């Protein structure tokens, strides 16, 4: 498996990956409805792909098994979605995608990676914390906007958290 920047042709496959990944929510009380929820539209994936801020995990057999889509906001790379197909979860795919996004942030001089996620779901905030993300107590505008949009779509505000991972650069 390898990680690469997504192409427009990849956009057709990303909703299927997200749908498969969301099946995990069936086991979480009061979040099981997310498994039947909407996925990111192909057009939105294409918009971010054109910005070159979408990475895919591809097998040696040319199958896409994961993706991370993000966008530069306020000099930070905000991760909108990280999804790994159910058959490929817990095999380092998500970590590889995060590393690619982090490397992009380093190379482009960004200040941090940011995201919003569930506080209490094992593969969400606890997993991101292992990667180095920390909860943000006073979110900046783009994180507040993301949390507000999520609330408007029915996500439980009390279970959501904004997180940030500052970019560290090697000494020159």
N, C-alpha and C. Protein backbone atom coordinates (compact mmCIF):
# COMPACT_ATOMS: atom_id res chain seq x y z
N UNK A 1 0.83 -1.18 0.00
CA UNK A 1 0.00 0.00 0.00
C UNK A 1 0.88 1.24 0.00
N UNK A 2 0.41 2.28 -0.68
CA UNK A 2 1.14 3.54 -0.70
C UNK A 2 0.15 4.69 -0.67
N UNK A 3 0.65 5.86 -0.28
CA UNK A 3 -0.16 7.08 -0.18
C UNK A 3 0.26 8.00 -1.31
N UNK A 4 -0.72 8.62 -1.96
CA UNK A 4 -0.43 9.58 -3.03
C UNK A 4 -1.48 10.68 -3.01
N UNK A 5 -1.18 11.77 -3.71
CA UNK A 5 -2.15 12.85 -3.89
C UNK A 5 -3.26 12.34 -4.81
N UNK A 6 -4.49 12.64 -4.46
CA UNK A 6 -5.64 12.17 -5.23
C UNK A 6 -5.75 12.88 -6.58
N UNK A 7 -6.34 12.19 -7.53
CA UNK A 7 -6.66 12.75 -8.85
C UNK A 7 -8.18 12.88 -8.96
N UNK A 8 -8.63 13.64 -9.94
CA UNK A 8 -10.07 13.79 -10.14
C UNK A 8 -10.76 12.45 -10.37
N UNK A 9 -10.07 11.51 -11.01
CA UNK A 9 -10.66 10.20 -11.26
C UNK A 9 -10.94 9.45 -9.95
N UNK A 10 -10.18 9.75 -8.92
CA UNK A 10 -10.36 9.09 -7.62
C UNK A 10 -11.66 9.51 -6.94
N UNK A 11 -12.17 10.69 -7.25
CA UNK A 11 -13.32 11.24 -6.53
C UNK A 11 -14.52 10.31 -6.54
N UNK A 12 -14.70 9.54 -7.59
CA UNK A 12 -15.84 8.63 -7.67
C UNK A 12 -15.79 7.53 -6.63
N UNK A 13 -14.61 7.17 -6.16
CA UNK A 13 -14.45 6.05 -5.23
C UNK A 13 -14.49 6.47 -3.76
N UNK A 14 -14.29 7.75 -3.48
CA UNK A 14 -14.16 8.20 -2.10
C UNK A 14 -15.45 8.07 -1.28
N UNK A 15 -16.63 8.36 -1.85
CA UNK A 15 -17.85 8.17 -1.06
C UNK A 15 -18.05 6.72 -0.60
N UNK A 16 -17.68 5.77 -1.42
CA UNK A 16 -17.81 4.35 -1.05
C UNK A 16 -16.91 4.02 0.14
N UNK A 17 -15.70 4.57 0.13
CA UNK A 17 -14.77 4.35 1.25
C UNK A 17 -15.35 4.96 2.53
N UNK A 18 -15.85 6.19 2.42
CA UNK A 18 -16.42 6.86 3.59
C UNK A 18 -17.61 6.08 4.14
N UNK A 19 -18.46 5.58 3.24
CA UNK A 19 -19.63 4.80 3.67
C UNK A 19 -19.19 3.55 4.41
N UNK A 20 -18.20 2.85 3.90
CA UNK A 20 -17.69 1.65 4.57
C UNK A 20 -17.12 2.00 5.94
N UNK A 21 -16.35 3.07 6.01
CA UNK A 21 -15.74 3.49 7.28
C UNK A 21 -16.80 3.83 8.32
N UNK A 22 -17.89 4.42 7.88
CA UNK A 22 -18.93 4.86 8.83
C UNK A 22 -19.67 3.70 9.48
N UNK A 23 -19.54 2.51 8.95
CA UNK A 23 -20.21 1.34 9.54
C UNK A 23 -19.79 1.12 10.99
N UNK A 24 -18.59 1.55 11.35
CA UNK A 24 -18.13 1.41 12.73
C UNK A 24 -19.07 2.09 13.73
N UNK A 25 -19.75 3.14 13.29
CA UNK A 25 -20.62 3.88 14.20
C UNK A 25 -21.85 3.06 14.63
N UNK A 26 -22.16 2.00 13.95
CA UNK A 26 -23.31 1.18 14.34
C UNK A 26 -23.15 0.64 15.77
N UNK A 27 -21.92 0.52 16.23
CA UNK A 27 -21.66 -0.03 17.57
C UNK A 27 -21.63 1.04 18.66
N UNK A 28 -21.80 2.31 18.29
CA UNK A 28 -21.72 3.41 19.27
C UNK A 28 -23.13 3.90 19.61
N UNK A 29 -23.54 3.77 20.88
CA UNK A 29 -24.87 4.24 21.27
C UNK A 29 -25.10 5.71 20.90
N UNK A 30 -26.24 5.98 20.36
CA UNK A 30 -26.69 7.32 19.97
C UNK A 30 -25.92 7.91 18.79
N UNK A 31 -24.98 7.17 18.23
CA UNK A 31 -24.29 7.62 17.01
C UNK A 31 -24.49 6.63 15.88
N UNK A 32 -25.24 5.56 16.12
CA UNK A 32 -25.44 4.53 15.11
C UNK A 32 -26.07 5.08 13.83
N UNK A 33 -26.83 6.16 13.94
CA UNK A 33 -27.47 6.78 12.79
C UNK A 33 -26.46 7.30 11.77
N UNK A 34 -25.22 7.56 12.22
CA UNK A 34 -24.20 8.06 11.30
C UNK A 34 -23.85 7.04 10.22
N UNK A 35 -24.03 5.76 10.52
CA UNK A 35 -23.73 4.71 9.53
C UNK A 35 -24.66 4.81 8.33
N UNK A 36 -25.82 5.40 8.52
CA UNK A 36 -26.78 5.56 7.42
C UNK A 36 -26.82 6.98 6.89
N UNK A 37 -25.92 7.82 7.37
CA UNK A 37 -25.93 9.23 7.01
C UNK A 37 -25.33 9.52 5.65
N UNK A 38 -25.39 10.78 5.30
CA UNK A 38 -24.83 11.26 4.04
C UNK A 38 -23.30 11.23 4.08
N UNK A 39 -22.73 11.00 2.93
CA UNK A 39 -21.28 11.10 2.79
C UNK A 39 -20.95 12.37 2.01
N UNK A 40 -19.69 12.72 1.98
CA UNK A 40 -19.26 13.92 1.25
C UNK A 40 -19.54 13.73 -0.24
N UNK A 41 -20.13 14.73 -0.85
CA UNK A 41 -20.48 14.66 -2.26
C UNK A 41 -19.23 14.63 -3.14
N UNK A 42 -19.35 13.95 -4.26
CA UNK A 42 -18.24 13.86 -5.21
C UNK A 42 -17.73 15.24 -5.60
N UNK A 43 -18.64 16.19 -5.81
CA UNK A 43 -18.23 17.54 -6.22
C UNK A 43 -17.34 18.20 -5.16
N UNK A 44 -17.62 17.95 -3.90
CA UNK A 44 -16.79 18.52 -2.83
C UNK A 44 -15.41 17.86 -2.83
N UNK A 45 -15.37 16.56 -3.04
CA UNK A 45 -14.07 15.89 -3.17
C UNK A 45 -13.28 16.50 -4.33
N UNK A 46 -13.95 16.70 -5.46
CA UNK A 46 -13.28 17.27 -6.64
C UNK A 46 -12.74 18.67 -6.34
N UNK A 47 -13.52 19.47 -5.63
CA UNK A 47 -13.07 20.83 -5.27
C UNK A 47 -11.76 20.78 -4.48
N UNK A 48 -11.70 19.89 -3.52
CA UNK A 48 -10.49 19.78 -2.70
C UNK A 48 -9.35 19.10 -3.45
N UNK A 49 -9.67 18.16 -4.32
CA UNK A 49 -8.63 17.52 -5.14
C UNK A 49 -7.94 18.56 -6.01
N UNK A 50 -8.70 19.49 -6.56
CA UNK A 50 -8.10 20.54 -7.39
C UNK A 50 -7.15 21.42 -6.58
N UNK A 51 -7.34 21.49 -5.28
CA UNK A 51 -6.43 22.24 -4.40
C UNK A 51 -5.21 21.40 -4.00
N UNK A 52 -5.22 20.14 -4.38
CA UNK A 52 -4.14 19.18 -4.07
C UNK A 52 -3.99 18.95 -2.57
N UNK A 53 -5.15 18.91 -1.89
CA UNK A 53 -5.15 18.65 -0.45
C UNK A 53 -6.00 17.42 -0.11
N UNK A 54 -5.97 16.45 -1.01
CA UNK A 54 -6.61 15.16 -0.76
C UNK A 54 -5.57 14.08 -1.05
N UNK A 55 -5.44 13.16 -0.11
CA UNK A 55 -4.52 12.03 -0.27
C UNK A 55 -5.32 10.75 -0.22
N UNK A 56 -4.87 9.76 -1.00
CA UNK A 56 -5.52 8.45 -1.00
C UNK A 56 -4.50 7.38 -0.67
N UNK A 57 -5.01 6.31 -0.06
CA UNK A 57 -4.21 5.11 0.19
C UNK A 57 -4.62 4.10 -0.88
N UNK A 58 -3.63 3.59 -1.59
CA UNK A 58 -3.89 2.68 -2.70
C UNK A 58 -3.11 1.39 -2.50
N UNK A 59 -3.77 0.27 -2.78
CA UNK A 59 -3.09 -1.02 -2.67
C UNK A 59 -2.24 -1.25 -3.92
N UNK A 60 -1.40 -2.25 -3.86
CA UNK A 60 -0.59 -2.61 -5.02
C UNK A 60 -1.45 -3.13 -6.17
N UNK A 61 -2.69 -3.48 -5.86
CA UNK A 61 -3.64 -3.93 -6.90
C UNK A 61 -4.50 -2.78 -7.42
N UNK A 62 -4.08 -1.55 -7.15
CA UNK A 62 -4.76 -0.33 -7.63
C UNK A 62 -6.14 -0.10 -7.01
N UNK A 63 -6.37 -0.61 -5.81
CA UNK A 63 -7.63 -0.35 -5.12
C UNK A 63 -7.44 0.75 -4.09
N UNK A 64 -8.34 1.73 -4.10
CA UNK A 64 -8.30 2.78 -3.09
C UNK A 64 -8.96 2.25 -1.82
N UNK A 65 -8.28 2.43 -0.67
CA UNK A 65 -8.78 1.89 0.59
C UNK A 65 -8.91 2.95 1.68
N UNK A 66 -8.49 4.17 1.41
CA UNK A 66 -8.60 5.23 2.39
C UNK A 66 -8.35 6.58 1.76
N UNK A 67 -8.80 7.63 2.44
CA UNK A 67 -8.52 8.99 1.97
C UNK A 67 -8.53 9.96 3.13
N UNK A 68 -7.87 11.06 2.92
CA UNK A 68 -7.90 12.21 3.83
C UNK A 68 -8.12 13.42 2.96
N UNK A 69 -9.18 14.18 3.24
CA UNK A 69 -9.35 15.43 2.51
C UNK A 69 -9.26 16.60 3.48
N UNK A 70 -8.64 17.65 3.00
CA UNK A 70 -8.30 18.79 3.85
C UNK A 70 -8.33 20.07 3.03
N UNK A 71 -8.15 21.17 3.73
CA UNK A 71 -8.15 22.48 3.06
C UNK A 71 -7.33 23.45 3.91
N UNK A 72 -6.58 24.31 3.25
CA UNK A 72 -5.81 25.32 3.97
C UNK A 72 -6.76 26.45 4.38
N UNK A 73 -6.85 26.66 5.69
CA UNK A 73 -7.67 27.72 6.26
C UNK A 73 -6.84 28.43 7.33
N UNK A 74 -6.72 29.73 7.22
CA UNK A 74 -5.99 30.52 8.22
C UNK A 74 -4.59 29.98 8.49
N UNK A 75 -3.88 29.64 7.45
CA UNK A 75 -2.50 29.17 7.52
C UNK A 75 -2.37 27.83 8.28
N UNK A 76 -3.46 27.07 8.31
CA UNK A 76 -3.46 25.74 8.91
C UNK A 76 -4.13 24.77 7.93
N UNK A 77 -3.73 23.52 7.97
CA UNK A 77 -4.36 22.51 7.13
C UNK A 77 -5.48 21.87 7.94
N UNK A 78 -6.72 22.18 7.57
CA UNK A 78 -7.87 21.64 8.29
C UNK A 78 -8.32 20.35 7.63
N UNK A 79 -8.35 19.28 8.40
CA UNK A 79 -8.77 17.97 7.90
C UNK A 79 -10.29 17.88 8.02
N UNK A 80 -10.94 17.75 6.87
CA UNK A 80 -12.39 17.62 6.85
C UNK A 80 -12.82 16.17 7.09
N UNK A 81 -12.08 15.25 6.52
CA UNK A 81 -12.47 13.84 6.63
C UNK A 81 -11.26 12.95 6.47
N UNK A 82 -11.20 11.92 7.29
CA UNK A 82 -10.23 10.84 7.14
C UNK A 82 -11.05 9.56 7.24
N UNK A 83 -11.08 8.78 6.17
CA UNK A 83 -11.85 7.54 6.15
C UNK A 83 -11.00 6.41 5.62
N UNK A 84 -11.14 5.25 6.25
CA UNK A 84 -10.46 4.04 5.81
C UNK A 84 -11.52 2.95 5.65
N UNK A 85 -11.50 2.29 4.50
CA UNK A 85 -12.45 1.20 4.22
C UNK A 85 -12.41 0.19 5.37
N UNK A 86 -13.57 -0.35 5.72
CA UNK A 86 -13.67 -1.27 6.84
C UNK A 86 -12.71 -2.45 6.78
N UNK A 87 -12.43 -2.96 5.60
CA UNK A 87 -11.52 -4.11 5.46
C UNK A 87 -10.06 -3.74 5.73
N UNK A 88 -9.76 -2.45 5.79
CA UNK A 88 -8.37 -1.99 5.93
C UNK A 88 -8.12 -1.22 7.22
N UNK A 89 -9.10 -1.16 8.09
CA UNK A 89 -8.93 -0.41 9.33
C UNK A 89 -7.96 -1.13 10.27
N UNK A 90 -7.30 -0.33 11.12
CA UNK A 90 -6.35 -0.82 12.12
C UNK A 90 -5.13 -1.50 11.49
N UNK A 91 -4.74 -0.99 10.31
CA UNK A 91 -3.56 -1.51 9.63
C UNK A 91 -2.58 -0.39 9.28
N UNK A 92 -2.75 0.78 9.89
CA UNK A 92 -1.83 1.88 9.67
C UNK A 92 -2.17 2.79 8.51
N UNK A 93 -3.29 2.55 7.85
CA UNK A 93 -3.68 3.37 6.70
C UNK A 93 -3.94 4.81 7.13
N UNK A 94 -4.73 4.99 8.18
CA UNK A 94 -5.03 6.34 8.67
C UNK A 94 -3.78 7.08 9.11
N UNK A 95 -2.88 6.38 9.78
CA UNK A 95 -1.62 7.00 10.20
C UNK A 95 -0.81 7.44 8.99
N UNK A 96 -0.77 6.62 7.96
CA UNK A 96 -0.05 6.99 6.74
C UNK A 96 -0.64 8.23 6.09
N UNK A 97 -1.96 8.31 6.07
CA UNK A 97 -2.62 9.48 5.49
C UNK A 97 -2.31 10.73 6.32
N UNK A 98 -2.36 10.61 7.64
CA UNK A 98 -2.02 11.74 8.51
C UNK A 98 -0.57 12.19 8.30
N UNK A 99 0.33 11.24 8.16
CA UNK A 99 1.73 11.59 7.93
C UNK A 99 1.89 12.36 6.62
N UNK A 100 1.16 11.97 5.59
CA UNK A 100 1.24 12.68 4.31
C UNK A 100 0.72 14.11 4.44
N UNK A 101 -0.38 14.28 5.16
CA UNK A 101 -0.92 15.63 5.37
C UNK A 101 0.05 16.46 6.19
N UNK A 102 0.65 15.86 7.20
CA UNK A 102 1.63 16.57 8.04
C UNK A 102 2.82 17.00 7.19
N UNK A 103 3.32 16.11 6.35
CA UNK A 103 4.47 16.43 5.50
C UNK A 103 4.13 17.59 4.55
N UNK A 104 2.93 17.58 4.01
CA UNK A 104 2.48 18.68 3.15
C UNK A 104 2.51 19.99 3.93
N UNK A 105 2.01 19.96 5.17
CA UNK A 105 2.00 21.18 5.99
C UNK A 105 3.41 21.67 6.26
N UNK A 106 4.34 20.75 6.51
CA UNK A 106 5.74 21.13 6.72
C UNK A 106 6.29 21.78 5.46
N UNK A 107 6.10 21.12 4.32
CA UNK A 107 6.68 21.59 3.05
C UNK A 107 6.09 22.91 2.58
N UNK A 108 4.86 23.20 2.94
CA UNK A 108 4.21 24.43 2.48
C UNK A 108 4.24 25.54 3.53
N UNK A 109 4.90 25.30 4.65
CA UNK A 109 5.07 26.33 5.66
C UNK A 109 3.84 26.63 6.50
N UNK A 110 2.93 25.67 6.61
CA UNK A 110 1.73 25.89 7.41
C UNK A 110 2.05 25.76 8.90
N UNK A 111 1.18 26.31 9.72
CA UNK A 111 1.42 26.35 11.17
C UNK A 111 0.95 25.10 11.90
N UNK A 112 -0.09 24.43 11.38
CA UNK A 112 -0.66 23.31 12.14
C UNK A 112 -1.60 22.49 11.27
N UNK A 113 -1.93 21.32 11.77
CA UNK A 113 -3.06 20.53 11.27
C UNK A 113 -4.19 20.75 12.26
N UNK A 114 -5.41 20.86 11.78
CA UNK A 114 -6.57 20.98 12.66
C UNK A 114 -7.65 20.03 12.20
N UNK A 115 -8.59 19.75 13.10
CA UNK A 115 -9.74 18.91 12.77
C UNK A 115 -10.77 19.04 13.86
N UNK A 116 -11.96 18.54 13.59
CA UNK A 116 -12.99 18.38 14.61
C UNK A 116 -13.39 16.92 14.61
N UNK A 117 -13.73 16.40 15.80
CA UNK A 117 -14.01 14.97 15.91
C UNK A 117 -14.80 14.68 17.17
N UNK A 118 -15.12 13.42 17.38
CA UNK A 118 -15.80 13.01 18.60
C UNK A 118 -14.79 12.82 19.72
N UNK A 119 -15.13 13.36 20.90
CA UNK A 119 -14.26 13.25 22.07
C UNK A 119 -14.15 11.81 22.57
N UNK A 120 -15.27 11.10 22.52
CA UNK A 120 -15.40 9.85 23.26
C UNK A 120 -15.48 8.60 22.39
N UNK A 121 -15.14 8.70 21.13
CA UNK A 121 -15.14 7.54 20.24
C UNK A 121 -13.70 7.09 20.07
N UNK A 122 -13.40 5.83 20.35
CA UNK A 122 -12.00 5.37 20.40
C UNK A 122 -11.15 5.70 19.17
N UNK A 123 -11.73 5.62 17.98
CA UNK A 123 -10.94 5.88 16.77
C UNK A 123 -10.95 7.36 16.37
N UNK A 124 -11.50 8.19 17.22
CA UNK A 124 -11.53 9.63 16.94
C UNK A 124 -10.52 10.36 17.82
N UNK A 125 -10.96 11.21 18.74
CA UNK A 125 -10.03 12.03 19.53
C UNK A 125 -8.92 11.22 20.20
N UNK A 126 -9.21 10.08 20.83
CA UNK A 126 -8.11 9.33 21.44
C UNK A 126 -7.04 8.90 20.43
N UNK A 127 -7.45 8.52 19.24
CA UNK A 127 -6.48 8.12 18.21
C UNK A 127 -5.68 9.33 17.72
N UNK A 128 -6.35 10.45 17.52
CA UNK A 128 -5.63 11.66 17.08
C UNK A 128 -4.67 12.14 18.16
N UNK A 129 -5.04 11.98 19.42
CA UNK A 129 -4.14 12.37 20.52
C UNK A 129 -2.85 11.55 20.47
N UNK A 130 -2.95 10.28 20.11
CA UNK A 130 -1.74 9.45 19.99
C UNK A 130 -0.82 9.98 18.90
N UNK A 131 -1.39 10.62 17.90
CA UNK A 131 -0.60 11.20 16.81
C UNK A 131 -0.01 12.55 17.22
N UNK A 132 -0.50 13.13 18.31
CA UNK A 132 0.03 14.40 18.80
C UNK A 132 -0.96 15.55 18.84
N UNK A 133 -2.17 15.34 18.33
CA UNK A 133 -3.19 16.39 18.38
C UNK A 133 -3.61 16.65 19.82
N UNK A 134 -3.89 17.93 20.11
CA UNK A 134 -4.36 18.34 21.43
C UNK A 134 -5.70 19.06 21.27
N UNK A 135 -6.60 18.89 22.26
CA UNK A 135 -7.87 19.64 22.21
C UNK A 135 -7.61 21.15 22.24
N UNK A 136 -8.44 21.88 21.53
CA UNK A 136 -8.36 23.34 21.49
C UNK A 136 -9.50 23.89 22.35
N UNK A 137 -9.14 24.59 23.40
CA UNK A 137 -10.16 25.10 24.32
C UNK A 137 -10.88 26.32 23.77
N UNK A 138 -10.17 27.19 23.04
CA UNK A 138 -10.77 28.39 22.45
C UNK A 138 -10.52 28.35 20.95
N UNK A 139 -11.37 27.63 20.20
CA UNK A 139 -11.12 27.44 18.77
C UNK A 139 -11.10 28.74 17.98
N UNK A 140 -10.19 28.80 17.01
CA UNK A 140 -10.15 29.92 16.07
C UNK A 140 -11.36 29.84 15.15
N UNK A 141 -11.55 30.87 14.35
CA UNK A 141 -12.77 31.01 13.56
C UNK A 141 -13.10 29.78 12.73
N UNK A 142 -12.15 29.24 11.96
CA UNK A 142 -12.51 28.12 11.08
C UNK A 142 -12.91 26.88 11.88
N UNK A 143 -12.37 26.70 13.06
CA UNK A 143 -12.77 25.56 13.89
C UNK A 143 -14.15 25.79 14.52
N UNK A 144 -14.41 27.03 14.95
CA UNK A 144 -15.75 27.35 15.48
C UNK A 144 -16.80 27.16 14.39
N UNK A 145 -16.48 27.64 13.17
CA UNK A 145 -17.42 27.48 12.05
C UNK A 145 -17.69 26.00 11.77
N UNK A 146 -16.64 25.18 11.80
CA UNK A 146 -16.80 23.75 11.55
C UNK A 146 -17.69 23.11 12.62
N UNK A 147 -17.44 23.43 13.88
CA UNK A 147 -18.25 22.88 14.97
C UNK A 147 -19.70 23.34 14.86
N UNK A 148 -19.92 24.60 14.51
CA UNK A 148 -21.29 25.11 14.35
C UNK A 148 -22.01 24.42 13.19
N UNK A 149 -21.31 24.20 12.08
CA UNK A 149 -21.91 23.52 10.94
C UNK A 149 -22.26 22.08 11.30
N UNK A 150 -21.40 21.43 12.06
CA UNK A 150 -21.68 20.06 12.49
C UNK A 150 -22.92 20.00 13.38
N UNK A 151 -23.04 20.97 14.28
CA UNK A 151 -24.22 21.03 15.15
C UNK A 151 -25.48 21.23 14.32
N UNK A 152 -25.40 22.07 13.30
CA UNK A 152 -26.55 22.31 12.43
C UNK A 152 -26.96 21.05 11.67
N UNK A 153 -26.02 20.14 11.47
CA UNK A 153 -26.31 18.87 10.78
C UNK A 153 -26.66 17.75 11.76
N UNK A 154 -26.84 18.10 13.02
CA UNK A 154 -27.32 17.13 13.98
C UNK A 154 -26.28 16.42 14.83
N UNK A 155 -25.01 16.76 14.66
CA UNK A 155 -24.00 16.12 15.50
C UNK A 155 -24.09 16.69 16.92
N UNK A 156 -23.99 15.84 17.93
CA UNK A 156 -24.14 16.30 19.32
C UNK A 156 -22.95 17.16 19.76
N UNK A 157 -23.20 18.42 19.99
CA UNK A 157 -22.16 19.40 20.32
C UNK A 157 -21.34 18.96 21.53
N UNK A 158 -22.00 18.40 22.53
CA UNK A 158 -21.31 18.02 23.76
C UNK A 158 -20.31 16.88 23.55
N UNK A 159 -20.41 16.19 22.43
CA UNK A 159 -19.50 15.08 22.15
C UNK A 159 -18.40 15.46 21.16
N UNK A 160 -18.41 16.69 20.68
CA UNK A 160 -17.45 17.12 19.66
C UNK A 160 -16.31 17.92 20.28
N UNK A 161 -15.17 17.90 19.61
CA UNK A 161 -14.00 18.64 20.08
C UNK A 161 -13.20 19.09 18.86
N UNK A 162 -12.62 20.28 18.96
CA UNK A 162 -11.66 20.75 17.95
C UNK A 162 -10.27 20.35 18.45
N UNK A 163 -9.41 19.94 17.52
CA UNK A 163 -8.05 19.53 17.89
C UNK A 163 -7.05 20.18 16.95
N UNK A 164 -5.81 20.33 17.46
CA UNK A 164 -4.76 21.00 16.69
C UNK A 164 -3.43 20.31 16.94
N UNK A 165 -2.66 20.18 15.88
CA UNK A 165 -1.31 19.64 15.95
C UNK A 165 -0.35 20.66 15.35
N UNK A 166 0.42 21.38 16.18
CA UNK A 166 1.38 22.34 15.64
C UNK A 166 2.44 21.64 14.79
N UNK A 167 2.89 22.33 13.76
CA UNK A 167 3.94 21.79 12.90
C UNK A 167 5.29 22.16 13.51
N UNK A 168 6.12 21.17 13.68
CA UNK A 168 7.49 21.43 14.14
C UNK A 168 8.42 21.19 12.97
N UNK A 169 9.35 22.10 12.82
CA UNK A 169 10.30 22.01 11.71
C UNK A 169 11.69 21.75 12.25
N UNK A 170 12.47 20.95 11.52
CA UNK A 170 13.84 20.72 11.96
C UNK A 170 14.63 22.02 11.96
N UNK A 171 15.56 22.13 12.89
CA UNK A 171 16.44 23.31 12.95
C UNK A 171 17.25 23.38 11.67
N UNK A 172 17.39 24.57 11.14
CA UNK A 172 18.14 24.77 9.89
C UNK A 172 19.61 24.88 10.16
